[in-house]
Amino acid sequence: MTLIDKRRILQPILDKIEAGWIVKRPSQLNPCDVDYICVFQNPSEYKETSAEISTKLFEKPDLGIIEKLVRNSLKTAKVSKWRPS
C-alpha cells in the first residue's frame, strides 16, 4: 500500500474554499497519517473544525467528494479555546 500525502491534497482544497485555513491533522511530521480524522484551523479567527475523510478517498483522489466534506466541515467550524503560539 502506497502512503498518500493527505496534506498535499487538502491544503489546495482549503485555499480554494476560503483563505486562512490550514491543515493541522494530518500533521506536517506525518502527512500520510492513515487516521480518517482531518483537523482544520483558521488561526486569524481562532476557529477549528474536523472532518472524517476515508483514506480510500485519497488513494485515487475524488476531489469533488473530498471538497464537499471539507466545505461541510468549514460550515460547522466553531471558535476554539486554542490560541496560536
C-alpha atoms as a PDB file:
ATOM      1  CA  MET A   1       0.000   0.000   0.000  1.00  0.00           C
ATOM      2  CA  THR A   2       1.395   3.381  -1.012  1.00  0.00           C
ATOM      3  CA  LEU A   3       1.109   6.110   1.584  1.00  0.00           C
ATOM      4  CA  ILE A   4      -0.633   9.266   0.385  1.00  0.00           C
ATOM      5  CA  ASP A   5       0.381  12.785   1.458  1.00  0.00           C
ATOM      6  CA  LYS A   6      -3.085  13.964   2.514  1.00  0.00           C
ATOM      7  CA  ARG A   7      -1.867  17.475   3.331  1.00  0.00           C
ATOM      8  CA  ARG A   8      -0.796  17.951  -0.292  1.00  0.00           C
ATOM      9  CA  ILE A   9      -4.369  17.213  -1.358  1.00  0.00           C
ATOM     10  CA  LEU A  10      -6.225  19.022   1.442  1.00  0.00           C
ATOM     11  CA  GLN A  11      -4.416  22.383   1.572  1.00  0.00           C
ATOM     12  CA  PRO A  12      -5.238  23.412  -2.032  1.00  0.00           C
ATOM     13  CA  ILE A  13      -8.879  22.498  -1.381  1.00  0.00           C
ATOM     14  CA  LEU A  14      -8.919  24.686   1.731  1.00  0.00           C
ATOM     15  CA  ASP A  15      -7.268  27.539  -0.180  1.00  0.00           C
ATOM     16  CA  LYS A  16      -9.899  27.253  -2.909  1.00  0.00           C
ATOM     17  CA  ILE A  17     -12.811  27.348  -0.464  1.00  0.00           C
ATOM     18  CA  GLU A  18     -11.715  30.095   1.913  1.00  0.00           C
ATOM     19  CA  ALA A  19      -8.405  31.805   2.649  1.00  0.00           C
ATOM     20  CA  GLY A  20      -6.795  31.486   6.048  1.00  0.00           C
ATOM     21  CA  TRP A  21      -7.465  27.820   6.763  1.00  0.00           C
ATOM     22  CA  ILE A  22      -4.632  25.359   7.429  1.00  0.00           C
ATOM     23  CA  VAL A  23      -4.410  21.601   7.841  1.00  0.00           C
ATOM     24  CA  LYS A  24      -3.490  20.706  11.421  1.00  0.00           C
ATOM     25  CA  ARG A  25      -4.092  16.986  11.091  1.00  0.00           C
ATOM     26  CA  PRO A  26      -2.579  15.100   9.448  1.00  0.00           C
ATOM     27  CA  SER A  27       0.457  16.821  10.874  1.00  0.00           C
ATOM     28  CA  GLN A  28       3.467  18.080   8.954  1.00  0.00           C
ATOM     29  CA  LEU A  29       5.514  15.334  10.593  1.00  0.00           C
ATOM     30  CA  ASN A  30       3.101  12.617   9.485  1.00  0.00           C
ATOM     31  CA  PRO A  31       1.280  13.869   6.354  1.00  0.00           C
ATOM     32  CA  CYS A  32       0.435  10.283   5.368  1.00  0.00           C
ATOM     33  CA  ASP A  33      -1.395   9.505   8.619  1.00  0.00           C
ATOM     34  CA  VAL A  34      -3.863   6.683   7.966  1.00  0.00           C
ATOM     35  CA  ASP A  35      -6.369   8.006  10.525  1.00  0.00           C
ATOM     36  CA  TYR A  36      -9.532   9.292   8.864  1.00  0.00           C
ATOM     37  CA  ILE A  37      -9.926  12.378  11.097  1.00  0.00           C
ATOM     38  CA  CYS A  38      -8.701  15.596   9.476  1.00  0.00           C
ATOM     39  CA  VAL A  39      -8.489  18.808  11.509  1.00  0.00           C
ATOM     40  CA  PHE A  40      -8.542  22.304  10.036  1.00  0.00           C
ATOM     41  CA  GLN A  41      -7.815  25.597  11.781  1.00  0.00           C
ATOM     42  CA  ASN A  42      -8.206  29.245  10.901  1.00  0.00           C
ATOM     43  CA  PRO A  43      -5.651  30.967  13.170  1.00  0.00           C
ATOM     44  CA  SER A  44      -6.826  34.517  12.431  1.00  0.00           C
ATOM     45  CA  GLU A  45     -10.390  33.710  13.505  1.00  0.00           C
ATOM     46  CA  TYR A  46      -9.482  31.145  16.194  1.00  0.00           C
ATOM     47  CA  LYS A  47     -11.741  28.610  14.503  1.00  0.00           C
ATOM     48  CA  GLU A  48     -11.288  24.881  14.328  1.00  0.00           C
ATOM     49  CA  THR A  49     -13.208  22.037  12.759  1.00  0.00           C
ATOM     50  CA  SER A  50     -12.707  18.443  11.728  1.00  0.00           C
ATOM     51  CA  ALA A  51     -13.900  16.091   9.035  1.00  0.00           C
ATOM     52  CA  GLU A  52     -13.972  12.330   8.725  1.00  0.00           C
ATOM     53  CA  ILE A  53     -12.472  11.540   5.338  1.00  0.00           C
ATOM     54  CA  SER A  54     -11.832   7.930   4.443  1.00  0.00           C
ATOM     55  CA  THR A  55      -8.263   7.115   3.471  1.00  0.00           C
ATOM     56  CA  LYS A  56      -9.700   5.315   0.435  1.00  0.00           C
ATOM     57  CA  LEU A  57     -10.850   8.671  -0.977  1.00  0.00           C
ATOM     58  CA  PHE A  58      -7.210   9.788  -1.047  1.00  0.00           C
ATOM     59  CA  GLU A  59      -5.907   6.677  -2.829  1.00  0.00           C
ATOM     60  CA  LYS A  60      -7.469   7.707  -6.148  1.00  0.00           C
ATOM     61  CA  PRO A  61      -8.420  11.203  -5.103  1.00  0.00           C
ATOM     62  CA  ASP A  62     -12.037  12.043  -5.743  1.00  0.00           C
ATOM     63  CA  LEU A  63     -11.516  15.750  -5.271  1.00  0.00           C
ATOM     64  CA  GLY A  64     -15.228  16.504  -5.625  1.00  0.00           C
ATOM     65  CA  ILE A  65     -16.200  14.336  -2.672  1.00  0.00           C
ATOM     66  CA  ILE A  66     -13.230  15.460  -0.576  1.00  0.00           C
ATOM     67  CA  GLU A  67     -14.054  19.117  -1.301  1.00  0.00           C
ATOM     68  CA  LYS A  68     -17.697  18.571  -0.320  1.00  0.00           C
ATOM     69  CA  LEU A  69     -16.644  17.024   3.005  1.00  0.00           C
ATOM     70  CA  VAL A  70     -14.223  19.884   3.681  1.00  0.00           C
ATOM     71  CA  ARG A  71     -16.843  22.523   2.766  1.00  0.00           C
ATOM     72  CA  ASN A  72     -19.399  20.951   5.105  1.00  0.00           C
ATOM     73  CA  SER A  73     -16.805  20.872   7.864  1.00  0.00           C
ATOM     74  CA  LEU A  74     -15.912  24.554   7.463  1.00  0.00           C
ATOM     75  CA  LYS A  75     -19.600  25.491   7.658  1.00  0.00           C
ATOM     76  CA  THR A  76     -19.740  23.975  11.141  1.00  0.00           C
ATOM     77  CA  ALA A  77     -16.456  25.466  12.406  1.00  0.00           C
ATOM     78  CA  LYS A  78     -16.549  26.781  15.941  1.00  0.00           C
ATOM     79  CA  VAL A  79     -14.433  29.305  17.780  1.00  0.00           C
ATOM     80  CA  SER A  80     -11.883  27.273  19.660  1.00  0.00           C
ATOM     81  CA  LYS A  81     -10.172  27.789  23.021  1.00  0.00           C
ATOM     82  CA  TRP A  82      -6.746  27.272  21.440  1.00  0.00           C
ATOM     83  CA  ARG A  83      -4.630  30.260  20.534  1.00  0.00           C
ATOM     84  CA  PRO A  84      -1.793  30.246  18.027  1.00  0.00           C
ATOM     85  CA  SER A  85       1.643  30.283  19.616  1.00  0.00           C
END
